[in-house]
Structures are given as C-alpha cells and as structure tokens.
Amino acid sequence: MSREIIRRWNNTVSYNDSVYILGDFAWKNSEGLEVLSQLIGRKYLILGNHDKPTEEMKAYFEWIKDIAVVDDNNTEVVLCHYPIAHWYNQYRGAIHLYGHVHNTKDNTAFERYRDICRELNIPFECYNVGCMMPYMDYTPRSLNEIRNQ
C-alpha cells in the first residue's frame, strides 16, 4: 500500500507543488517517516487525531498546524482534519476541506447537514478529501479537481 501511495503521489505532484495533508498521515511513525522521505513537493500537515509526528518527521513539513486558512488562486480554503459546521469566511466564498469522517455514517450525517444548509441558502461549499474517498483515489488532487468531482 505504501509503495502504491508513493507512486501515485510522485506521479501527480511536482517538486514545487504544495500539498496539504489533512491529518492521520501515518498510523505508525516509523512507516510514516519512510513514506515521507520518498514524497516530492512541499508538504504541510494539518494534525489529525492519530498524528504524533517525531522531530525527524516534522523536518519534512513546511509547517504543522491544527487548522489553517490558505489562498488557492484567490479562493480562501479552510483546512481542518475535522468537518466544521460553520467556518471562517464561509459567507464570503471560503471553501472548507476536511477528512476524519472517512466514508462512514458520520460523513453521511455531515452531508445531510450540508444539504439542509444549502436548502436554507446558507453557503456551504465543503469537501471530504480523505484519501479513501472514491474521487480522491489515494492521489493528491488540486482544488479544481476536488470542486469538479
């Protein structure tokens, strides 16, 4: 599995690309370190509930945060491991990317909440970008690819 993830990553990412990992990068730090050492691009980590990066692992990341707001071609993107019901600048066009809930009943519940908000004309553009989601396919994706899935 690790070899395949490394292959998909390196076939998609260039050395100058920024890749945001939204938590739960590695169940075991020793395996995570081995994978990190082979991934190209500039890596940023949003901490997930299973992340306990060592100092050696931290050296592979530009930064490590609990939550972040980044700019992607003049679009604000709120990054968090966990889904957020109402996020920073949501009413000003900010998009929210999250993971954690995988493709489980927790994700279904959040998607239902999203649909209710949309019915009430509450801006609610968010995406579960967990690598196991069918449209992610264990491959890094651009924001445009995520939005057009």
N, C-alpha and C. Protein backbone atom coordinates (compact mmCIF):
# COMPACT_ATOMS: atom_id res chain seq x y z
N MET A 1 0.83 -1.19 0.00
CA MET A 1 0.00 0.00 0.00
C MET A 1 0.87 1.25 0.00
N SER A 2 1.89 1.26 0.85
CA SER A 2 2.77 2.44 0.91
C SER A 2 3.44 2.70 -0.44
N ARG A 3 3.92 1.66 -1.08
CA ARG A 3 4.58 1.84 -2.39
C ARG A 3 3.61 2.44 -3.41
N GLU A 4 2.37 1.99 -3.38
CA GLU A 4 1.38 2.50 -4.33
C GLU A 4 1.04 3.96 -4.03
N ILE A 5 0.91 4.31 -2.78
CA ILE A 5 0.63 5.71 -2.42
C ILE A 5 1.79 6.60 -2.85
N ILE A 6 3.01 6.17 -2.61
CA ILE A 6 4.19 6.93 -3.03
C ILE A 6 4.19 7.09 -4.55
N ARG A 7 3.91 6.03 -5.26
CA ARG A 7 3.88 6.09 -6.73
C ARG A 7 2.83 7.09 -7.22
N ARG A 8 1.62 7.01 -6.67
CA ARG A 8 0.54 7.90 -7.11
C ARG A 8 0.89 9.36 -6.77
N TRP A 9 1.43 9.58 -5.59
CA TRP A 9 1.82 10.93 -5.17
C TRP A 9 2.85 11.49 -6.13
N ASN A 10 3.94 10.77 -6.32
CA ASN A 10 5.05 11.28 -7.13
C ASN A 10 4.72 11.37 -8.62
N ASN A 11 3.73 10.64 -9.09
CA ASN A 11 3.28 10.77 -10.47
C ASN A 11 2.36 11.98 -10.66
N THR A 12 1.87 12.54 -9.56
CA THR A 12 0.92 13.65 -9.60
C THR A 12 1.54 14.97 -9.20
N VAL A 13 2.43 14.94 -8.25
CA VAL A 13 2.99 16.14 -7.62
C VAL A 13 4.34 16.48 -8.25
N SER A 14 4.58 17.78 -8.45
CA SER A 14 5.90 18.22 -8.89
C SER A 14 6.68 18.72 -7.68
N TYR A 15 7.97 18.95 -7.86
CA TYR A 15 8.82 19.37 -6.75
C TYR A 15 8.39 20.71 -6.16
N ASN A 16 7.78 21.58 -6.94
CA ASN A 16 7.37 22.89 -6.45
C ASN A 16 5.92 22.95 -5.99
N ASP A 17 5.18 21.86 -6.11
CA ASP A 17 3.79 21.85 -5.68
C ASP A 17 3.69 21.87 -4.16
N SER A 18 2.63 22.50 -3.68
CA SER A 18 2.30 22.47 -2.25
C SER A 18 1.20 21.45 -2.06
N VAL A 19 1.40 20.55 -1.10
CA VAL A 19 0.41 19.52 -0.80
C VAL A 19 0.05 19.62 0.67
N TYR A 20 -1.25 19.74 0.93
CA TYR A 20 -1.77 19.85 2.29
C TYR A 20 -2.34 18.51 2.69
N ILE A 21 -1.81 17.95 3.75
CA ILE A 21 -2.26 16.67 4.27
C ILE A 21 -3.16 16.97 5.45
N LEU A 22 -4.42 16.53 5.39
CA LEU A 22 -5.39 16.90 6.41
C LEU A 22 -5.52 15.83 7.50
N GLY A 23 -4.40 15.45 8.02
CA GLY A 23 -4.37 14.62 9.21
C GLY A 23 -4.36 13.13 8.98
N ASP A 24 -4.02 12.44 10.06
CA ASP A 24 -3.92 10.98 10.08
C ASP A 24 -2.99 10.50 8.97
N PHE A 25 -1.84 11.11 8.90
CA PHE A 25 -0.88 10.76 7.85
C PHE A 25 -0.35 9.34 8.01
N ALA A 26 0.02 8.98 9.23
CA ALA A 26 0.62 7.65 9.42
C ALA A 26 0.19 7.07 10.76
N TRP A 27 -0.24 5.84 10.71
CA TRP A 27 -0.63 5.15 11.94
C TRP A 27 0.61 4.87 12.79
N LYS A 28 1.71 4.50 12.14
CA LYS A 28 2.98 4.23 12.83
C LYS A 28 4.02 5.22 12.31
N ASN A 29 4.70 5.91 13.23
CA ASN A 29 5.67 6.92 12.83
C ASN A 29 6.81 6.35 11.99
N SER A 30 7.24 5.13 12.29
CA SER A 30 8.35 4.56 11.52
C SER A 30 7.95 4.40 10.05
N GLU A 31 6.73 3.94 9.79
CA GLU A 31 6.26 3.81 8.42
C GLU A 31 6.04 5.18 7.79
N GLY A 32 5.53 6.11 8.58
CA GLY A 32 5.31 7.46 8.08
C GLY A 32 6.60 8.13 7.66
N LEU A 33 7.64 7.96 8.43
CA LEU A 33 8.93 8.54 8.11
C LEU A 33 9.48 7.95 6.81
N GLU A 34 9.34 6.65 6.64
CA GLU A 34 9.81 6.00 5.41
C GLU A 34 9.07 6.54 4.19
N VAL A 35 7.76 6.73 4.32
CA VAL A 35 6.96 7.26 3.20
C VAL A 35 7.32 8.72 2.96
N LEU A 36 7.35 9.54 4.01
CA LEU A 36 7.67 10.97 3.87
C LEU A 36 8.97 11.20 3.13
N SER A 37 9.96 10.39 3.42
CA SER A 37 11.28 10.59 2.83
C SER A 37 11.27 10.37 1.32
N GLN A 38 10.20 9.77 0.79
CA GLN A 38 10.13 9.47 -0.64
C GLN A 38 9.14 10.35 -1.40
N LEU A 39 8.40 11.21 -0.70
CA LEU A 39 7.39 12.05 -1.34
C LEU A 39 7.99 13.38 -1.79
N ILE A 40 7.72 13.77 -3.04
CA ILE A 40 8.22 15.05 -3.53
C ILE A 40 7.20 16.14 -3.23
N GLY A 41 7.59 17.39 -3.45
CA GLY A 41 6.72 18.53 -3.22
C GLY A 41 6.90 19.12 -1.83
N ARG A 42 6.26 20.27 -1.64
CA ARG A 42 6.29 20.96 -0.36
C ARG A 42 5.08 20.50 0.44
N LYS A 43 5.33 19.90 1.59
CA LYS A 43 4.28 19.26 2.36
C LYS A 43 3.92 20.09 3.59
N TYR A 44 2.61 20.16 3.86
CA TYR A 44 2.06 20.86 5.01
C TYR A 44 1.14 19.88 5.72
N LEU A 45 1.19 19.86 7.05
CA LEU A 45 0.37 18.90 7.79
C LEU A 45 -0.61 19.62 8.71
N ILE A 46 -1.88 19.28 8.54
CA ILE A 46 -2.91 19.64 9.49
C ILE A 46 -3.05 18.41 10.39
N LEU A 47 -2.86 18.60 11.67
CA LEU A 47 -2.85 17.46 12.58
C LEU A 47 -4.22 16.78 12.68
N GLY A 48 -4.17 15.45 12.63
CA GLY A 48 -5.35 14.64 12.85
C GLY A 48 -5.25 13.96 14.20
N ASN A 49 -6.29 13.27 14.59
CA ASN A 49 -6.31 12.64 15.91
C ASN A 49 -5.30 11.51 16.06
N HIS A 50 -4.77 10.97 14.97
CA HIS A 50 -3.77 9.90 15.07
C HIS A 50 -2.34 10.38 14.83
N ASP A 51 -2.15 11.66 14.54
CA ASP A 51 -0.81 12.16 14.24
C ASP A 51 -0.03 12.48 15.51
N LYS A 52 1.15 11.91 15.59
CA LYS A 52 2.10 12.18 16.68
C LYS A 52 3.48 12.27 16.04
N PRO A 53 3.70 13.31 15.21
CA PRO A 53 4.96 13.36 14.45
C PRO A 53 6.19 13.54 15.36
N THR A 54 7.22 12.81 15.03
CA THR A 54 8.50 12.94 15.73
C THR A 54 9.23 14.16 15.18
N GLU A 55 10.29 14.57 15.83
CA GLU A 55 11.09 15.69 15.34
C GLU A 55 11.64 15.39 13.95
N GLU A 56 12.01 14.15 13.72
CA GLU A 56 12.53 13.76 12.41
C GLU A 56 11.45 13.90 11.33
N MET A 57 10.23 13.50 11.67
CA MET A 57 9.13 13.64 10.71
C MET A 57 8.80 15.11 10.46
N LYS A 58 8.82 15.92 11.51
CA LYS A 58 8.48 17.34 11.39
C LYS A 58 9.37 18.05 10.38
N ALA A 59 10.59 17.59 10.22
CA ALA A 59 11.54 18.22 9.29
C ALA A 59 11.07 18.13 7.84
N TYR A 60 10.18 17.21 7.52
CA TYR A 60 9.70 17.05 6.15
C TYR A 60 8.54 17.99 5.81
N PHE A 61 8.03 18.72 6.79
CA PHE A 61 6.89 19.60 6.57
C PHE A 61 7.31 21.06 6.63
N GLU A 62 6.69 21.88 5.78
CA GLU A 62 6.90 23.33 5.81
C GLU A 62 6.36 23.89 7.12
N TRP A 63 5.20 23.41 7.52
CA TRP A 63 4.61 23.72 8.82
C TRP A 63 3.63 22.62 9.20
N ILE A 64 3.29 22.61 10.51
CA ILE A 64 2.31 21.69 11.06
C ILE A 64 1.37 22.53 11.92
N LYS A 65 0.07 22.43 11.66
CA LYS A 65 -0.92 23.22 12.39
C LYS A 65 -2.16 22.38 12.67
N ASP A 66 -2.99 22.88 13.58
CA ASP A 66 -4.27 22.24 13.86
C ASP A 66 -5.32 22.62 12.82
N ILE A 67 -5.26 23.84 12.34
CA ILE A 67 -6.20 24.36 11.36
C ILE A 67 -5.48 25.47 10.60
N ALA A 68 -5.85 25.69 9.36
CA ALA A 68 -5.20 26.75 8.59
C ALA A 68 -6.16 27.30 7.54
N VAL A 69 -5.92 28.55 7.18
CA VAL A 69 -6.62 29.17 6.06
C VAL A 69 -5.55 29.50 5.03
N VAL A 70 -5.70 28.96 3.82
CA VAL A 70 -4.73 29.19 2.76
C VAL A 70 -5.44 29.80 1.56
N ASP A 71 -4.65 30.41 0.70
CA ASP A 71 -5.18 31.01 -0.52
C ASP A 71 -4.81 30.11 -1.70
N ASP A 72 -5.81 29.77 -2.50
CA ASP A 72 -5.58 29.00 -3.72
C ASP A 72 -6.17 29.80 -4.87
N ASN A 73 -5.32 30.52 -5.59
CA ASN A 73 -5.77 31.35 -6.71
C ASN A 73 -6.94 32.25 -6.33
N ASN A 74 -6.75 33.00 -5.25
CA ASN A 74 -7.73 33.96 -4.74
C ASN A 74 -8.99 33.33 -4.16
N THR A 75 -8.92 32.07 -3.82
CA THR A 75 -10.00 31.40 -3.09
C THR A 75 -9.47 31.01 -1.72
N GLU A 76 -10.16 31.48 -0.67
CA GLU A 76 -9.76 31.08 0.67
C GLU A 76 -10.21 29.65 0.92
N VAL A 77 -9.31 28.86 1.49
CA VAL A 77 -9.62 27.47 1.79
C VAL A 77 -9.31 27.22 3.25
N VAL A 78 -10.31 26.77 3.99
CA VAL A 78 -10.17 26.46 5.40
C VAL A 78 -9.87 24.97 5.51
N LEU A 79 -8.70 24.66 6.05
CA LEU A 79 -8.23 23.28 6.15
C LEU A 79 -8.31 22.82 7.61
N CYS A 80 -8.95 21.70 7.83
CA CYS A 80 -9.03 21.12 9.16
C CYS A 80 -9.21 19.61 9.01
N HIS A 81 -8.68 18.86 9.92
CA HIS A 81 -8.88 17.42 9.87
C HIS A 81 -10.36 17.08 10.05
N TYR A 82 -11.03 17.85 10.89
CA TYR A 82 -12.42 17.58 11.24
C TYR A 82 -13.38 18.44 10.42
N PRO A 83 -14.57 17.93 10.09
CA PRO A 83 -15.55 18.78 9.41
C PRO A 83 -16.05 19.86 10.36
N ILE A 84 -16.18 21.07 9.83
CA ILE A 84 -16.63 22.22 10.62
C ILE A 84 -17.99 22.64 10.07
N ALA A 85 -18.96 22.79 10.94
CA ALA A 85 -20.32 23.14 10.51
C ALA A 85 -20.38 24.56 9.94
N HIS A 86 -19.64 25.48 10.53
CA HIS A 86 -19.63 26.87 10.05
C HIS A 86 -18.22 27.40 10.23
N TRP A 87 -17.57 27.70 9.11
CA TRP A 87 -16.15 28.01 9.11
C TRP A 87 -15.90 29.47 8.76
N TYR A 88 -14.68 29.87 8.99
CA TYR A 88 -14.21 31.23 8.72
C TYR A 88 -14.51 31.64 7.28
N ASN A 89 -15.11 32.82 7.13
CA ASN A 89 -15.43 33.42 5.83
C ASN A 89 -16.31 32.55 4.93
N GLN A 90 -17.08 31.69 5.53
CA GLN A 90 -18.00 30.84 4.79
C GLN A 90 -18.95 31.67 3.93
N TYR A 91 -19.41 32.80 4.48
CA TYR A 91 -20.35 33.65 3.75
C TYR A 91 -19.64 34.56 2.74
N ARG A 92 -18.33 34.50 2.69
CA ARG A 92 -17.56 35.30 1.74
C ARG A 92 -16.87 34.42 0.70
N GLY A 93 -17.32 33.18 0.55
CA GLY A 93 -16.81 32.32 -0.50
C GLY A 93 -15.72 31.36 -0.10
N ALA A 94 -15.35 31.33 1.18
CA ALA A 94 -14.32 30.38 1.60
C ALA A 94 -14.85 28.95 1.50
N ILE A 95 -13.98 28.06 1.11
CA ILE A 95 -14.28 26.63 0.96
C ILE A 95 -13.64 25.90 2.13
N HIS A 96 -14.27 24.84 2.57
CA HIS A 96 -13.74 24.04 3.67
C HIS A 96 -13.39 22.63 3.18
N LEU A 97 -12.17 22.20 3.47
CA LEU A 97 -11.72 20.83 3.18
C LEU A 97 -11.45 20.12 4.50
N TYR A 98 -11.86 18.87 4.58
CA TYR A 98 -11.72 18.11 5.82
C TYR A 98 -11.54 16.63 5.49
N GLY A 99 -11.28 15.85 6.52
CA GLY A 99 -11.17 14.40 6.41
C GLY A 99 -11.88 13.76 7.59
N HIS A 100 -11.18 13.02 8.37
CA HIS A 100 -11.58 12.40 9.63
C HIS A 100 -12.77 11.44 9.54
N VAL A 101 -13.87 11.85 8.93
CA VAL A 101 -15.09 11.03 8.97
C VAL A 101 -15.11 9.95 7.90
N HIS A 102 -14.05 9.89 7.10
CA HIS A 102 -13.91 8.86 6.06
C HIS A 102 -15.18 8.79 5.21
N ASN A 103 -15.60 7.63 4.82
CA ASN A 103 -16.86 7.48 4.09
C ASN A 103 -17.79 6.62 4.94
N THR A 104 -18.13 7.15 6.11
CA THR A 104 -18.90 6.44 7.14
C THR A 104 -20.24 7.14 7.38
N LYS A 105 -20.98 6.64 8.35
CA LYS A 105 -22.25 7.28 8.71
C LYS A 105 -22.02 8.69 9.25
N ASP A 106 -20.86 8.95 9.84
CA ASP A 106 -20.55 10.32 10.28
C ASP A 106 -20.46 11.26 9.09
N ASN A 107 -19.87 10.79 8.02
CA ASN A 107 -19.81 11.59 6.79
C ASN A 107 -21.20 11.79 6.21
N THR A 108 -22.02 10.74 6.22
CA THR A 108 -23.39 10.85 5.72
C THR A 108 -24.15 11.90 6.52
N ALA A 109 -23.99 11.90 7.84
CA ALA A 109 -24.68 12.88 8.68
C ALA A 109 -24.23 14.30 8.34
N PHE A 110 -22.92 14.50 8.13
CA PHE A 110 -22.43 15.83 7.79
C PHE A 110 -22.94 16.25 6.41
N GLU A 111 -23.00 15.33 5.47
CA GLU A 111 -23.53 15.64 4.14
C GLU A 111 -25.01 16.03 4.21
N ARG A 112 -25.77 15.38 5.08
CA ARG A 112 -27.18 15.75 5.26
C ARG A 112 -27.29 17.16 5.83
N TYR A 113 -26.42 17.48 6.78
CA TYR A 113 -26.41 18.83 7.35
C TYR A 113 -26.06 19.85 6.26
N ARG A 114 -25.08 19.52 5.43
CA ARG A 114 -24.71 20.37 4.30
C ARG A 114 -25.92 20.62 3.41
N ASP A 115 -26.67 19.57 3.09
CA ASP A 115 -27.84 19.71 2.22
C ASP A 115 -28.91 20.59 2.86
N ILE A 116 -29.11 20.46 4.16
CA ILE A 116 -30.07 21.31 4.86
C ILE A 116 -29.63 22.77 4.77
N CYS A 117 -28.36 23.03 5.00
CA CYS A 117 -27.85 24.40 4.92
C CYS A 117 -28.04 24.97 3.53
N ARG A 118 -27.77 24.18 2.52
CA ARG A 118 -27.95 24.65 1.14
C ARG A 118 -29.42 24.94 0.85
N GLU A 119 -30.34 24.11 1.37
CA GLU A 119 -31.77 24.37 1.19
C GLU A 119 -32.17 25.68 1.83
N LEU A 120 -31.48 26.08 2.89
CA LEU A 120 -31.75 27.33 3.59
C LEU A 120 -30.93 28.49 3.03
N ASN A 121 -30.29 28.27 1.89
CA ASN A 121 -29.45 29.28 1.22
C ASN A 121 -28.28 29.74 2.08
N ILE A 122 -27.75 28.82 2.86
CA ILE A 122 -26.52 29.07 3.61
C ILE A 122 -25.37 28.57 2.74
N PRO A 123 -24.40 29.43 2.43
CA PRO A 123 -23.27 28.96 1.63
C PRO A 123 -22.58 27.79 2.33
N PHE A 124 -22.37 26.72 1.61
CA PHE A 124 -21.83 25.52 2.26
C PHE A 124 -21.03 24.70 1.26
N GLU A 125 -19.90 25.25 0.82
CA GLU A 125 -19.04 24.51 -0.11
C GLU A 125 -17.91 23.86 0.67
N CYS A 126 -18.05 22.59 0.87
CA CYS A 126 -17.05 21.84 1.62
C CYS A 126 -16.92 20.45 1.01
N TYR A 127 -15.75 19.84 1.24
CA TYR A 127 -15.46 18.54 0.64
C TYR A 127 -14.68 17.66 1.60
N ASN A 128 -15.09 16.41 1.67
CA ASN A 128 -14.34 15.40 2.39
C ASN A 128 -13.22 14.93 1.46
N VAL A 129 -11.99 15.25 1.82
CA VAL A 129 -10.86 14.91 0.96
C VAL A 129 -10.02 13.77 1.53
N GLY A 130 -10.66 12.93 2.33
CA GLY A 130 -9.96 11.75 2.81
C GLY A 130 -9.49 10.92 1.63
N CYS A 131 -8.28 10.42 1.71
CA CYS A 131 -7.68 9.73 0.56
C CYS A 131 -8.49 8.52 0.11
N MET A 132 -9.31 7.96 0.99
CA MET A 132 -10.08 6.77 0.64
C MET A 132 -11.39 7.10 -0.06
N MET A 133 -11.74 8.38 -0.16
CA MET A 133 -12.96 8.76 -0.88
C MET A 133 -12.78 8.39 -2.36
N PRO A 134 -13.80 7.89 -3.01
CA PRO A 134 -13.65 7.42 -4.39
C PRO A 134 -13.02 8.45 -5.33
N TYR A 135 -13.40 9.72 -5.22
CA TYR A 135 -12.85 10.74 -6.12
C TYR A 135 -11.42 11.14 -5.75
N MET A 136 -10.97 10.81 -4.56
CA MET A 136 -9.58 11.08 -4.18
C MET A 136 -8.67 9.95 -4.64
N ASP A 137 -9.13 8.70 -4.49
CA ASP A 137 -8.43 7.53 -5.01
C ASP A 137 -6.96 7.47 -4.56
N TYR A 138 -6.71 7.84 -3.30
CA TYR A 138 -5.36 7.78 -2.73
C TYR A 138 -4.34 8.58 -3.55
N THR A 139 -4.81 9.69 -4.14
CA THR A 139 -3.97 10.50 -5.02
C THR A 139 -4.16 11.97 -4.66
N PRO A 140 -3.10 12.75 -4.52
CA PRO A 140 -3.27 14.18 -4.28
C PRO A 140 -4.08 14.82 -5.41
N ARG A 141 -4.97 15.74 -5.06
CA ARG A 141 -5.83 16.42 -6.03
C ARG A 141 -5.71 17.93 -5.87
N SER A 142 -5.87 18.64 -6.97
CA SER A 142 -5.91 20.11 -6.91
C SER A 142 -7.29 20.54 -6.42
N LEU A 143 -7.38 21.80 -6.00
CA LEU A 143 -8.68 22.31 -5.56
C LEU A 143 -9.69 22.24 -6.71
N ASN A 144 -9.27 22.57 -7.92
CA ASN A 144 -10.20 22.47 -9.07
C ASN A 144 -10.69 21.05 -9.27
N GLU A 145 -9.81 20.07 -9.15
CA GLU A 145 -10.23 18.67 -9.31
C GLU A 145 -11.22 18.28 -8.23
N ILE A 146 -10.98 18.75 -7.01
CA ILE A 146 -11.89 18.43 -5.90
C ILE A 146 -13.25 19.06 -6.14
N ARG A 147 -13.25 20.32 -6.54
CA ARG A 147 -14.51 21.04 -6.76
C ARG A 147 -15.31 20.46 -7.94
N ASN A 148 -14.64 19.88 -8.90
CA ASN A 148 -15.32 19.35 -10.09
C ASN A 148 -15.59 17.85 -10.02
N GLN A 149 -15.40 17.25 -8.89
CA GLN A 149 -15.62 15.81 -8.76
C GLN A 149 -17.08 15.44 -8.86
